[in-house]
Amino acid sequence: ENVTLKFGGVTAVNNLSLSINEGEVFALVGPNGAGKSTVFNMISRF
């Protein structure tokens, strides 16, 4: 819910909200540098 992460002056993820229900298949897609790995690293608490 409304997740934001910045690296210095660069905003990697800005105000992201999503929800995944049990049993759903979910994909996060986008070009290089879109923040996909950053979202995964926030979920995993890195």
ModelCIF file with pLDDT and N, C-alpha, C, O atoms, coordinates in Angstrom:
data_MODEL
#
_entry.id   MODEL 
#
_entity.id                         1 
_entity.type                       polymer 
_entity.pdbx_number_of_molecules   1 
#
_entity_poly.entity_id                      1 
_entity_poly.type                           'polypeptide(L)' 
_entity_poly.nstd_linkage                   no 
_entity_poly.nstd_monomer                   no 
_entity_poly.pdbx_seq_one_letter_code       ENVTLKFGGVTAVNNLSLSINEGEVFALVGPNGAGKSTVFNMISRF 
_entity_poly.pdbx_seq_one_letter_code_can   ENVTLKFGGVTAVNNLSLSINEGEVFALVGPNGAGKSTVFNMISRF 
_entity_poly.pdbx_strand_id                 A 
#
loop_
_entity_poly_seq.entity_id 
_entity_poly_seq.num 
_entity_poly_seq.mon_id 
_entity_poly_seq.hetero 
1 1  GLU n 
1 2  ASN n 
1 3  VAL n 
1 4  THR n 
1 5  LEU n 
1 6  LYS n 
1 7  PHE n 
1 8  GLY n 
1 9  GLY n 
1 10 VAL n 
1 11 THR n 
1 12 ALA n 
1 13 VAL n 
1 14 ASN n 
1 15 ASN n 
1 16 LEU n 
1 17 SER n 
1 18 LEU n 
1 19 SER n 
1 20 ILE n 
1 21 ASN n 
1 22 GLU n 
1 23 GLY n 
1 24 GLU n 
1 25 VAL n 
1 26 PHE n 
1 27 ALA n 
1 28 LEU n 
1 29 VAL n 
1 30 GLY n 
1 31 PRO n 
1 32 ASN n 
1 33 GLY n 
1 34 ALA n 
1 35 GLY n 
1 36 LYS n 
1 37 SER n 
1 38 THR n 
1 39 VAL n 
1 40 PHE n 
1 41 ASN n 
1 42 MET n 
1 43 ILE n 
1 44 SER n 
1 45 ARG n 
1 46 PHE n 
#
_struct_asym.id          A 
_struct_asym.entity_id   1 
#
loop_
_ma_qa_metric.id 
_ma_qa_metric.mode 
_ma_qa_metric.name 
_ma_qa_metric.software_group_id 
_ma_qa_metric.type 
1 global pLDDT . pLDDT 
2 local  pLDDT . pLDDT 
#
_ma_qa_metric_global.metric_id      1 
_ma_qa_metric_global.metric_value   94.15 
_ma_qa_metric_global.model_id       1 
_ma_qa_metric_global.ordinal_id     1 
#
loop_
_ma_qa_metric_local.label_asym_id 
_ma_qa_metric_local.label_comp_id 
_ma_qa_metric_local.label_seq_id 
_ma_qa_metric_local.metric_id 
_ma_qa_metric_local.metric_value 
_ma_qa_metric_local.model_id 
_ma_qa_metric_local.ordinal_id 
A GLU 1  2 97.00 1 1  
A ASN 2  2 97.00 1 2  
A VAL 3  2 97.00 1 3  
A THR 4  2 97.00 1 4  
A LEU 5  2 96.00 1 5  
A LYS 6  2 95.00 1 6  
A PHE 7  2 93.00 1 7  
A GLY 8  2 90.00 1 8  
A GLY 9  2 90.00 1 9  
A VAL 10 2 92.00 1 10 
A THR 11 2 93.00 1 11 
A ALA 12 2 94.00 1 12 
A VAL 13 2 95.00 1 13 
A ASN 14 2 96.00 1 14 
A ASN 15 2 96.00 1 15 
A LEU 16 2 96.00 1 16 
A SER 17 2 97.00 1 17 
A LEU 18 2 95.00 1 18 
A SER 19 2 95.00 1 19 
A ILE 20 2 95.00 1 20 
A ASN 21 2 95.00 1 21 
A GLU 22 2 94.00 1 22 
A GLY 23 2 93.00 1 23 
A GLU 24 2 93.00 1 24 
A VAL 25 2 93.00 1 25 
A PHE 26 2 90.00 1 26 
A ALA 27 2 93.00 1 27 
A LEU 28 2 93.00 1 28 
A VAL 29 2 95.00 1 29 
A GLY 30 2 93.00 1 30 
A PRO 31 2 94.00 1 31 
A ASN 32 2 93.00 1 32 
A GLY 33 2 88.00 1 33 
A ALA 34 2 91.00 1 34 
A GLY 35 2 91.00 1 35 
A LYS 36 2 94.00 1 36 
A SER 37 2 95.00 1 37 
A THR 38 2 95.00 1 38 
A VAL 39 2 96.00 1 39 
A PHE 40 2 95.00 1 40 
A ASN 41 2 96.00 1 41 
A MET 42 2 96.00 1 42 
A ILE 43 2 95.00 1 43 
A SER 44 2 94.00 1 44 
A ARG 45 2 94.00 1 45 
A PHE 46 2 96.00 1 46 
#
loop_
_atom_site.group_PDB 
_atom_site.id 
_atom_site.type_symbol 
_atom_site.label_atom_id 
_atom_site.label_alt_id 
_atom_site.label_comp_id 
_atom_site.label_asym_id 
_atom_site.label_entity_id 
_atom_site.label_seq_id 
_atom_site.pdbx_PDB_ins_code 
_atom_site.Cartn_x 
_atom_site.Cartn_y 
_atom_site.Cartn_z 
_atom_site.occupancy 
_atom_site.B_iso_or_equiv 
_atom_site.pdbx_formal_charge 
_atom_site.auth_seq_id 
_atom_site.auth_comp_id 
_atom_site.auth_asym_id 
_atom_site.auth_atom_id 
_atom_site.pdbx_PDB_model_num 
ATOM 1   N N  . GLU A 1 1  ? 0.831  -1.190  0.000   1.00 97.00 ? 1  GLU A N  1 
ATOM 2   C CA . GLU A 1 1  ? 0.000  0.000   0.000   1.00 97.00 ? 1  GLU A CA 1 
ATOM 3   C C  . GLU A 1 1  ? 0.867  1.242   0.000   1.00 97.00 ? 1  GLU A C  1 
ATOM 4   O O  . GLU A 1 1  ? 1.582  1.505   0.967   1.00 97.00 ? 1  GLU A O  1 
ATOM 5   N N  . ASN A 1 2  ? 0.807  2.010   -1.083  1.00 97.00 ? 2  ASN A N  1 
ATOM 6   C CA . ASN A 1 2  ? 1.499  3.297   -1.201  1.00 97.00 ? 2  ASN A CA 1 
ATOM 7   C C  . ASN A 1 2  ? 2.987  3.199   -0.848  1.00 97.00 ? 2  ASN A C  1 
ATOM 8   O O  . ASN A 1 2  ? 3.511  4.037   -0.114  1.00 97.00 ? 2  ASN A O  1 
ATOM 9   N N  . VAL A 1 3  ? 3.653  2.188   -1.368  1.00 97.00 ? 3  VAL A N  1 
ATOM 10  C CA . VAL A 1 3  ? 5.059  1.939   -1.060  1.00 97.00 ? 3  VAL A CA 1 
ATOM 11  C C  . VAL A 1 3  ? 5.957  2.822   -1.935  1.00 97.00 ? 3  VAL A C  1 
ATOM 12  O O  . VAL A 1 3  ? 5.767  2.906   -3.148  1.00 97.00 ? 3  VAL A O  1 
ATOM 13  N N  . THR A 1 4  ? 6.932  3.475   -1.306  1.00 97.00 ? 4  THR A N  1 
ATOM 14  C CA . THR A 1 4  ? 7.888  4.331   -1.996  1.00 97.00 ? 4  THR A CA 1 
ATOM 15  C C  . THR A 1 4  ? 9.284  4.017   -1.496  1.00 97.00 ? 4  THR A C  1 
ATOM 16  O O  . THR A 1 4  ? 9.499  3.831   -0.299  1.00 97.00 ? 4  THR A O  1 
ATOM 17  N N  . LEU A 1 5  ? 10.238 3.959   -2.426  1.00 96.00 ? 5  LEU A N  1 
ATOM 18  C CA . LEU A 1 5  ? 11.646 3.760   -2.073  1.00 96.00 ? 5  LEU A CA 1 
ATOM 19  C C  . LEU A 1 5  ? 12.501 4.681   -2.920  1.00 96.00 ? 5  LEU A C  1 
ATOM 20  O O  . LEU A 1 5  ? 12.340 4.754   -4.139  1.00 96.00 ? 5  LEU A O  1 
ATOM 21  N N  . LYS A 1 6  ? 13.409 5.382   -2.265  1.00 95.00 ? 6  LYS A N  1 
ATOM 22  C CA . LYS A 1 6  ? 14.322 6.294   -2.952  1.00 95.00 ? 6  LYS A CA 1 
ATOM 23  C C  . LYS A 1 6  ? 15.755 5.895   -2.644  1.00 95.00 ? 6  LYS A C  1 
ATOM 24  O O  . LYS A 1 6  ? 16.074 5.472   -1.533  1.00 95.00 ? 6  LYS A O  1 
ATOM 25  N N  . PHE A 1 7  ? 16.609 6.037   -3.642  1.00 93.00 ? 7  PHE A N  1 
ATOM 26  C CA . PHE A 1 7  ? 18.046 5.867   -3.479  1.00 93.00 ? 7  PHE A CA 1 
ATOM 27  C C  . PHE A 1 7  ? 18.663 7.240   -3.691  1.00 93.00 ? 7  PHE A C  1 
ATOM 28  O O  . PHE A 1 7  ? 18.850 7.667   -4.830  1.00 93.00 ? 7  PHE A O  1 
ATOM 29  N N  . GLY A 1 8  ? 18.979 7.932   -2.607  1.00 90.00 ? 8  GLY A N  1 
ATOM 30  C CA . GLY A 1 8  ? 19.474 9.295   -2.743  1.00 90.00 ? 8  GLY A CA 1 
ATOM 31  C C  . GLY A 1 8  ? 18.395 10.163  -3.349  1.00 90.00 ? 8  GLY A C  1 
ATOM 32  O O  . GLY A 1 8  ? 17.285 10.240  -2.821  1.00 90.00 ? 8  GLY A O  1 
ATOM 33  N N  . GLY A 1 9  ? 18.710 10.817  -4.453  1.00 90.00 ? 9  GLY A N  1 
ATOM 34  C CA . GLY A 1 9  ? 17.742 11.671  -5.126  1.00 90.00 ? 9  GLY A CA 1 
ATOM 35  C C  . GLY A 1 9  ? 16.919 10.971  -6.176  1.00 90.00 ? 9  GLY A C  1 
ATOM 36  O O  . GLY A 1 9  ? 16.100 11.605  -6.841  1.00 90.00 ? 9  GLY A O  1 
ATOM 37  N N  . VAL A 1 10 ? 17.120 9.651   -6.346  1.00 92.00 ? 10 VAL A N  1 
ATOM 38  C CA . VAL A 1 10 ? 16.409 8.896   -7.380  1.00 92.00 ? 10 VAL A CA 1 
ATOM 39  C C  . VAL A 1 10 ? 15.278 8.097   -6.740  1.00 92.00 ? 10 VAL A C  1 
ATOM 40  O O  . VAL A 1 10 ? 15.499 7.317   -5.813  1.00 92.00 ? 10 VAL A O  1 
ATOM 41  N N  . THR A 1 11 ? 14.069 8.300   -7.244  1.00 93.00 ? 11 THR A N  1 
ATOM 42  C CA . THR A 1 11 ? 12.921 7.531   -6.767  1.00 93.00 ? 11 THR A CA 1 
ATOM 43  C C  . THR A 1 11 ? 12.806 6.264   -7.598  1.00 93.00 ? 11 THR A C  1 
ATOM 44  O O  . THR A 1 11 ? 12.503 6.315   -8.790  1.00 93.00 ? 11 THR A O  1 
ATOM 45  N N  . ALA A 1 12 ? 13.053 5.120   -6.952  1.00 94.00 ? 12 ALA A N  1 
ATOM 46  C CA . ALA A 1 12 ? 13.018 3.838   -7.656  1.00 94.00 ? 12 ALA A CA 1 
ATOM 47  C C  . ALA A 1 12 ? 11.592 3.303   -7.779  1.00 94.00 ? 12 ALA A C  1 
ATOM 48  O O  . ALA A 1 12 ? 11.214 2.769   -8.821  1.00 94.00 ? 12 ALA A O  1 
ATOM 49  N N  . VAL A 1 13 ? 10.808 3.447   -6.721  1.00 95.00 ? 13 VAL A N  1 
ATOM 50  C CA . VAL A 1 13 ? 9.409  3.024   -6.708  1.00 95.00 ? 13 VAL A CA 1 
ATOM 51  C C  . VAL A 1 13 ? 8.625  4.135   -6.030  1.00 95.00 ? 13 VAL A C  1 
ATOM 52  O O  . VAL A 1 13 ? 8.990  4.583   -4.943  1.00 95.00 ? 13 VAL A O  1 
ATOM 53  N N  . ASN A 1 14 ? 7.548  4.579   -6.668  1.00 96.00 ? 14 ASN A N  1 
ATOM 54  C CA . ASN A 1 14 ? 6.801  5.711   -6.140  1.00 96.00 ? 14 ASN A CA 1 
ATOM 55  C C  . ASN A 1 14 ? 5.324  5.373   -5.966  1.00 96.00 ? 14 ASN A C  1 
ATOM 56  O O  . ASN A 1 14 ? 4.593  5.192   -6.940  1.00 96.00 ? 14 ASN A O  1 
ATOM 57  N N  . ASN A 1 15 ? 4.902  5.291   -4.706  1.00 96.00 ? 15 ASN A N  1 
ATOM 58  C CA . ASN A 1 15 ? 3.490  5.165   -4.371  1.00 96.00 ? 15 ASN A CA 1 
ATOM 59  C C  . ASN A 1 15 ? 2.834  3.934   -5.004  1.00 96.00 ? 15 ASN A C  1 
ATOM 60  O O  . ASN A 1 15 ? 1.739  4.036   -5.557  1.00 96.00 ? 15 ASN A O  1 
ATOM 61  N N  . LEU A 1 16 ? 3.486  2.785   -4.931  1.00 96.00 ? 16 LEU A N  1 
ATOM 62  C CA . LEU A 1 16 ? 2.976  1.547   -5.514  1.00 96.00 ? 16 LEU A CA 1 
ATOM 63  C C  . LEU A 1 16 ? 1.985  0.876   -4.574  1.00 96.00 ? 16 LEU A C  1 
ATOM 64  O O  . LEU A 1 16 ? 2.261  0.712   -3.386  1.00 96.00 ? 16 LEU A O  1 
ATOM 65  N N  . SER A 1 17 ? 0.845  0.495   -5.102  1.00 97.00 ? 17 SER A N  1 
ATOM 66  C CA . SER A 1 17 ? -0.143 -0.286  -4.363  1.00 97.00 ? 17 SER A CA 1 
ATOM 67  C C  . SER A 1 17 ? -0.551 -1.478  -5.214  1.00 97.00 ? 17 SER A C  1 
ATOM 68  O O  . SER A 1 17 ? -0.818 -1.335  -6.408  1.00 97.00 ? 17 SER A O  1 
ATOM 69  N N  . LEU A 1 18 ? -0.600 -2.652  -4.599  1.00 95.00 ? 18 LEU A N  1 
ATOM 70  C CA . LEU A 1 18 ? -1.081 -3.855  -5.269  1.00 95.00 ? 18 LEU A CA 1 
ATOM 71  C C  . LEU A 1 18 ? -1.495 -4.863  -4.222  1.00 95.00 ? 18 LEU A C  1 
ATOM 72  O O  . LEU A 1 18 ? -1.049 -4.808  -3.076  1.00 95.00 ? 18 LEU A O  1 
ATOM 73  N N  . SER A 1 19 ? -2.352 -5.783  -4.625  1.00 95.00 ? 19 SER A N  1 
ATOM 74  C CA . SER A 1 19 ? -2.743 -6.863  -3.722  1.00 95.00 ? 19 SER A CA 1 
ATOM 75  C C  . SER A 1 19 ? -2.885 -8.148  -4.523  1.00 95.00 ? 19 SER A C  1 
ATOM 76  O O  . SER A 1 19 ? -3.372 -8.154  -5.654  1.00 95.00 ? 19 SER A O  1 
ATOM 77  N N  . ILE A 1 20 ? -2.448 -9.226  -3.906  1.00 95.00 ? 20 ILE A N  1 
ATOM 78  C CA . ILE A 1 20 ? -2.472 -10.536 -4.550  1.00 95.00 ? 20 ILE A CA 1 
ATOM 79  C C  . ILE A 1 20 ? -3.240 -11.479 -3.626  1.00 95.00 ? 20 ILE A C  1 
ATOM 80  O O  . ILE A 1 20 ? -2.895 -11.635 -2.455  1.00 95.00 ? 20 ILE A O  1 
ATOM 81  N N  . ASN A 1 21 ? -4.267 -12.094 -4.159  1.00 95.00 ? 21 ASN A N  1 
ATOM 82  C CA . ASN A 1 21 ? -5.077 -13.025 -3.383  1.00 95.00 ? 21 ASN A CA 1 
ATOM 83  C C  . ASN A 1 21 ? -4.508 -14.435 -3.476  1.00 95.00 ? 21 ASN A C  1 
ATOM 84  O O  . ASN A 1 21 ? -3.787 -14.768 -4.417  1.00 95.00 ? 21 ASN A O  1 
ATOM 85  N N  . GLU A 1 22 ? -4.841 -15.248 -2.497  1.00 94.00 ? 22 GLU A N  1 
ATOM 86  C CA . GLU A 1 22 ? -4.394 -16.640 -2.481  1.00 94.00 ? 22 GLU A CA 1 
ATOM 87  C C  . GLU A 1 22 ? -4.881 -17.345 -3.742  1.00 94.00 ? 22 GLU A C  1 
ATOM 88  O O  . GLU A 1 22 ? -6.043 -17.206 -4.124  1.00 94.00 ? 22 GLU A O  1 
ATOM 89  N N  . GLY A 1 23 ? -3.998 -18.097 -4.387  1.00 93.00 ? 23 GLY A N  1 
ATOM 90  C CA . GLY A 1 23 ? -4.331 -18.849 -5.581  1.00 93.00 ? 23 GLY A CA 1 
ATOM 91  C C  . GLY A 1 23 ? -4.148 -18.086 -6.882  1.00 93.00 ? 23 GLY A C  1 
ATOM 92  O O  . GLY A 1 23 ? -4.235 -18.677 -7.959  1.00 93.00 ? 23 GLY A O  1 
ATOM 93  N N  . GLU A 1 24 ? -3.895 -16.783 -6.804  1.00 93.00 ? 24 GLU A N  1 
ATOM 94  C CA . GLU A 1 24 ? -3.686 -15.987 -8.011  1.00 93.00 ? 24 GLU A CA 1 
ATOM 95  C C  . GLU A 1 24 ? -2.267 -16.165 -8.532  1.00 93.00 ? 24 GLU A C  1 
ATOM 96  O O  . GLU A 1 24 ? -1.327 -16.384 -7.768  1.00 93.00 ? 24 GLU A O  1 
ATOM 97  N N  . VAL A 1 25 ? -2.136 -16.067 -9.843  1.00 93.00 ? 25 VAL A N  1 
ATOM 98  C CA . VAL A 1 25 ? -0.833 -16.011 -10.489 1.00 93.00 ? 25 VAL A CA 1 
ATOM 99  C C  . VAL A 1 25 ? -0.618 -14.554 -10.862 1.00 93.00 ? 25 VAL A C  1 
ATOM 100 O O  . VAL A 1 25 ? -1.482 -13.936 -11.484 1.00 93.00 ? 25 VAL A O  1 
ATOM 101 N N  . PHE A 1 26 ? 0.521  -14.007 -10.488 1.00 90.00 ? 26 PHE A N  1 
ATOM 102 C CA . PHE A 1 26 ? 0.764  -12.578 -10.639 1.00 90.00 ? 26 PHE A CA 1 
ATOM 103 C C  . PHE A 1 26 ? 2.118  -12.374 -11.289 1.00 90.00 ? 26 PHE A C  1 
ATOM 104 O O  . PHE A 1 26 ? 3.079  -13.065 -10.952 1.00 90.00 ? 26 PHE A O  1 
ATOM 105 N N  . ALA A 1 27 ? 2.205  -11.428 -12.219 1.00 93.00 ? 27 ALA A N  1 
ATOM 106 C CA . ALA A 1 27 ? 3.474  -11.091 -12.865 1.00 93.00 ? 27 ALA A CA 1 
ATOM 107 C C  . ALA A 1 27 ? 3.703  -9.593  -12.750 1.00 93.00 ? 27 ALA A C  1 
ATOM 108 O O  . ALA A 1 27 ? 2.766  -8.803  -12.867 1.00 93.00 ? 27 ALA A O  1 
ATOM 109 N N  . LEU A 1 28 ? 4.923  -9.216  -12.527 1.00 93.00 ? 28 LEU A N  1 
ATOM 110 C CA . LEU A 1 28 ? 5.327  -7.821  -12.502 1.00 93.00 ? 28 LEU A CA 1 
ATOM 111 C C  . LEU A 1 28 ? 6.251  -7.627  -13.691 1.00 93.00 ? 28 LEU A C  1 
ATOM 112 O O  . LEU A 1 28 ? 7.365  -8.151  -13.712 1.00 93.00 ? 28 LEU A O  1 
ATOM 113 N N  . VAL A 1 29 ? 5.791  -6.876  -14.678 1.00 95.00 ? 29 VAL A N  1 
ATOM 114 C CA . VAL A 1 29 ? 6.543  -6.722  -15.919 1.00 95.00 ? 29 VAL A CA 1 
ATOM 115 C C  . VAL A 1 29 ? 6.838  -5.246  -16.171 1.00 95.00 ? 29 VAL A C  1 
ATOM 116 O O  . VAL A 1 29 ? 6.116  -4.362  -15.710 1.00 95.00 ? 29 VAL A O  1 
ATOM 117 N N  . GLY A 1 30 ? 7.905  -5.005  -16.906 1.00 93.00 ? 30 GLY A N  1 
ATOM 118 C CA . GLY A 1 30 ? 8.272  -3.642  -17.276 1.00 93.00 ? 30 GLY A CA 1 
ATOM 119 C C  . GLY A 1 30 ? 9.670  -3.626  -17.846 1.00 93.00 ? 30 GLY A C  1 
ATOM 120 O O  . GLY A 1 30 ? 10.379 -4.631  -17.799 1.00 93.00 ? 30 GLY A O  1 
ATOM 121 N N  . PRO A 1 31 ? 10.069 -2.488  -18.385 1.00 94.00 ? 31 PRO A N  1 
ATOM 122 C CA . PRO A 1 31 ? 11.403 -2.382  -18.985 1.00 94.00 ? 31 PRO A CA 1 
ATOM 123 C C  . PRO A 1 31 ? 12.499 -2.350  -17.917 1.00 94.00 ? 31 PRO A C  1 
ATOM 124 O O  . PRO A 1 31 ? 12.224 -2.224  -16.724 1.00 94.00 ? 31 PRO A O  1 
ATOM 125 N N  . ASN A 1 32 ? 13.743 -2.467  -18.375 1.00 93.00 ? 32 ASN A N  1 
ATOM 126 C CA . ASN A 1 32 ? 14.877 -2.348  -17.463 1.00 93.00 ? 32 ASN A CA 1 
ATOM 127 C C  . ASN A 1 32 ? 14.790 -1.027  -16.716 1.00 93.00 ? 32 ASN A C  1 
ATOM 128 O O  . ASN A 1 32 ? 14.488 0.013   -17.301 1.00 93.00 ? 32 ASN A O  1 
ATOM 129 N N  . GLY A 1 33 ? 15.057 -1.078  -15.429 1.00 88.00 ? 33 GLY A N  1 
ATOM 130 C CA . GLY A 1 33 ? 15.058 0.130   -14.621 1.00 88.00 ? 33 GLY A CA 1 
ATOM 131 C C  . GLY A 1 33 ? 13.685 0.560   -14.128 1.00 88.00 ? 33 GLY A C  1 
ATOM 132 O O  . GLY A 1 33 ? 13.547 1.639   -13.552 1.00 88.00 ? 33 GLY A O  1 
ATOM 133 N N  . ALA A 1 34 ? 12.671 -0.267  -14.344 1.00 91.00 ? 34 ALA A N  1 
ATOM 134 C CA . ALA A 1 34 ? 11.316 0.103   -13.939 1.00 91.00 ? 34 ALA A CA 1 
ATOM 135 C C  . ALA A 1 34 ? 11.051 -0.112  -12.450 1.00 91.00 ? 34 ALA A C  1 
ATOM 136 O O  . ALA A 1 34 ? 10.071 0.412   -11.920 1.00 91.00 ? 34 ALA A O  1 
ATOM 137 N N  . GLY A 1 35 ? 11.912 -0.878  -11.762 1.00 91.00 ? 35 GLY A N  1 
ATOM 138 C CA . GLY A 1 35 ? 11.746 -1.094  -10.328 1.00 91.00 ? 35 GLY A CA 1 
ATOM 139 C C  . GLY A 1 35 ? 11.242 -2.467  -9.943  1.00 91.00 ? 35 GLY A C  1 
ATOM 140 O O  . GLY A 1 35 ? 10.868 -2.679  -8.789  1.00 91.00 ? 35 GLY A O  1 
ATOM 141 N N  . LYS A 1 36 ? 11.220 -3.405  -10.874 1.00 94.00 ? 36 LYS A N  1 
ATOM 142 C CA . LYS A 1 36 ? 10.716 -4.756  -10.579 1.00 94.00 ? 36 LYS A CA 1 
ATOM 143 C C  . LYS A 1 36 ? 11.535 -5.443  -9.491  1.00 94.00 ? 36 LYS A C  1 
ATOM 144 O O  . LYS A 1 36 ? 10.967 -5.963  -8.531  1.00 94.00 ? 36 LYS A O  1 
ATOM 145 N N  . SER A 1 37 ? 12.838 -5.452  -9.625  1.00 95.00 ? 37 SER A N  1 
ATOM 146 C CA . SER A 1 37 ? 13.705 -6.083  -8.622  1.00 95.00 ? 37 SER A CA 1 
ATOM 147 C C  . SER A 1 37 ? 13.641 -5.334  -7.300  1.00 95.00 ? 37 SER A C  1 
ATOM 148 O O  . SER A 1 37 ? 13.731 -5.944  -6.234  1.00 95.00 ? 37 SER A O  1 
ATOM 149 N N  . THR A 1 38 ? 13.489 -4.038  -7.361  1.00 95.00 ? 38 THR A N  1 
ATOM 150 C CA . THR A 1 38 ? 13.377 -3.238  -6.143  1.00 95.00 ? 38 THR A CA 1 
ATOM 151 C C  . THR A 1 38 ? 12.119 -3.614  -5.372  1.00 95.00 ? 38 THR A C  1 
ATOM 152 O O  . THR A 1 38 ? 12.158 -3.707  -4.145  1.00 95.00 ? 38 THR A O  1 
ATOM 153 N N  . VAL A 1 39 ? 11.008 -3.831  -6.065  1.00 96.00 ? 39 VAL A N  1 
ATOM 154 C CA . VAL A 1 39 ? 9.775  -4.261  -5.403  1.00 96.00 ? 39 VAL A CA 1 
ATOM 155 C C  . VAL A 1 39 ? 9.991  -5.615  -4.734  1.00 96.00 ? 39 VAL A C  1 
ATOM 156 O O  . VAL A 1 39 ? 9.613  -5.799  -3.577  1.00 96.00 ? 39 VAL A O  1 
ATOM 157 N N  . PHE A 1 40 ? 10.591 -6.557  -5.445  1.00 95.00 ? 40 PHE A N  1 
ATOM 158 C CA . PHE A 1 40 ? 10.877 -7.873  -4.864  1.00 95.00 ? 40 PHE A CA 1 
ATOM 159 C C  . PHE A 1 40 ? 11.769 -7.733  -3.624  1.00 95.00 ? 40 PHE A C  1 
ATOM 160 O O  . PHE A 1 40 ? 11.538 -8.400  -2.615  1.00 95.00 ? 40 PHE A O  1 
ATOM 161 N N  . ASN A 1 41 ? 12.775 -6.877  -3.700  1.00 96.00 ? 41 ASN A N  1 
ATOM 162 C CA . ASN A 1 41 ? 13.686 -6.677  -2.567  1.00 96.00 ? 41 ASN A CA 1 
ATOM 163 C C  . ASN A 1 41 ? 13.006 -6.004  -1.379  1.00 96.00 ? 41 ASN A C  1 
ATOM 164 O O  . ASN A 1 41 ? 13.413 -6.230  -0.240  1.00 96.00 ? 41 ASN A O  1 
ATOM 165 N N  . MET A 1 42 ? 11.993 -5.192  -1.609  1.00 96.00 ? 42 MET A N  1 
ATOM 166 C CA . MET A 1 42 ? 11.232 -4.626  -0.490  1.00 96.00 ? 42 MET A CA 1 
ATOM 167 C C  . MET A 1 42 ? 10.356 -5.693  0.158   1.00 96.00 ? 42 MET A C  1 
ATOM 168 O O  . MET A 1 42 ? 10.248 -5.745  1.384   1.00 96.00 ? 42 MET A O  1 
ATOM 169 N N  . ILE A 1 43 ? 9.729  -6.545  -0.657  1.00 95.00 ? 43 ILE A N  1 
ATOM 170 C CA . ILE A 1 43 ? 8.898  -7.619  -0.114  1.00 95.00 ? 43 ILE A CA 1 
ATOM 171 C C  . ILE A 1 43 ? 9.750  -8.580  0.720   1.00 95.00 ? 43 ILE A C  1 
ATOM 172 O O  . ILE A 1 43 ? 9.321  -9.039  1.779   1.00 95.00 ? 43 ILE A O  1 
ATOM 173 N N  . SER A 1 44 ? 10.953 -8.878  0.237   1.00 94.00 ? 44 SER A N  1 
ATOM 174 C CA . SER A 1 44 ? 11.827 -9.817  0.948   1.00 94.00 ? 44 SER A CA 1 
ATOM 175 C C  . SER A 1 44 ? 12.590 -9.153  2.085   1.00 94.00 ? 44 SER A C  1 
ATOM 176 O O  . SER A 1 44 ? 13.347 -9.816  2.793   1.00 94.00 ? 44 SER A O  1 
ATOM 177 N N  . ARG A 1 45 ? 12.394 -7.829  2.269   1.00 94.00 ? 45 ARG A N  1 
ATOM 178 C CA . ARG A 1 45 ? 12.979 -7.045  3.354   1.00 94.00 ? 45 ARG A CA 1 
ATOM 179 C C  . ARG A 1 45 ? 14.474 -6.765  3.175   1.00 94.00 ? 45 ARG A C  1 
ATOM 180 O O  . ARG A 1 45 ? 15.155 -6.416  4.139   1.00 94.00 ? 45 ARG A O  1 
ATOM 181 N N  . PHE A 1 46 ? 14.983 -6.913  1.961   1.00 96.00 ? 46 PHE A N  1 
ATOM 182 C CA . PHE A 1 46 ? 16.359 -6.508  1.673   1.00 96.00 ? 46 PHE A CA 1 
ATOM 183 C C  . PHE A 1 46 ? 16.453 -4.987  1.702   1.00 96.00 ? 46 PHE A C  1 
ATOM 184 O O  . PHE A 1 46 ? 17.529 -4.431  1.485   1.00 96.00 ? 46 PHE A O  1 
#
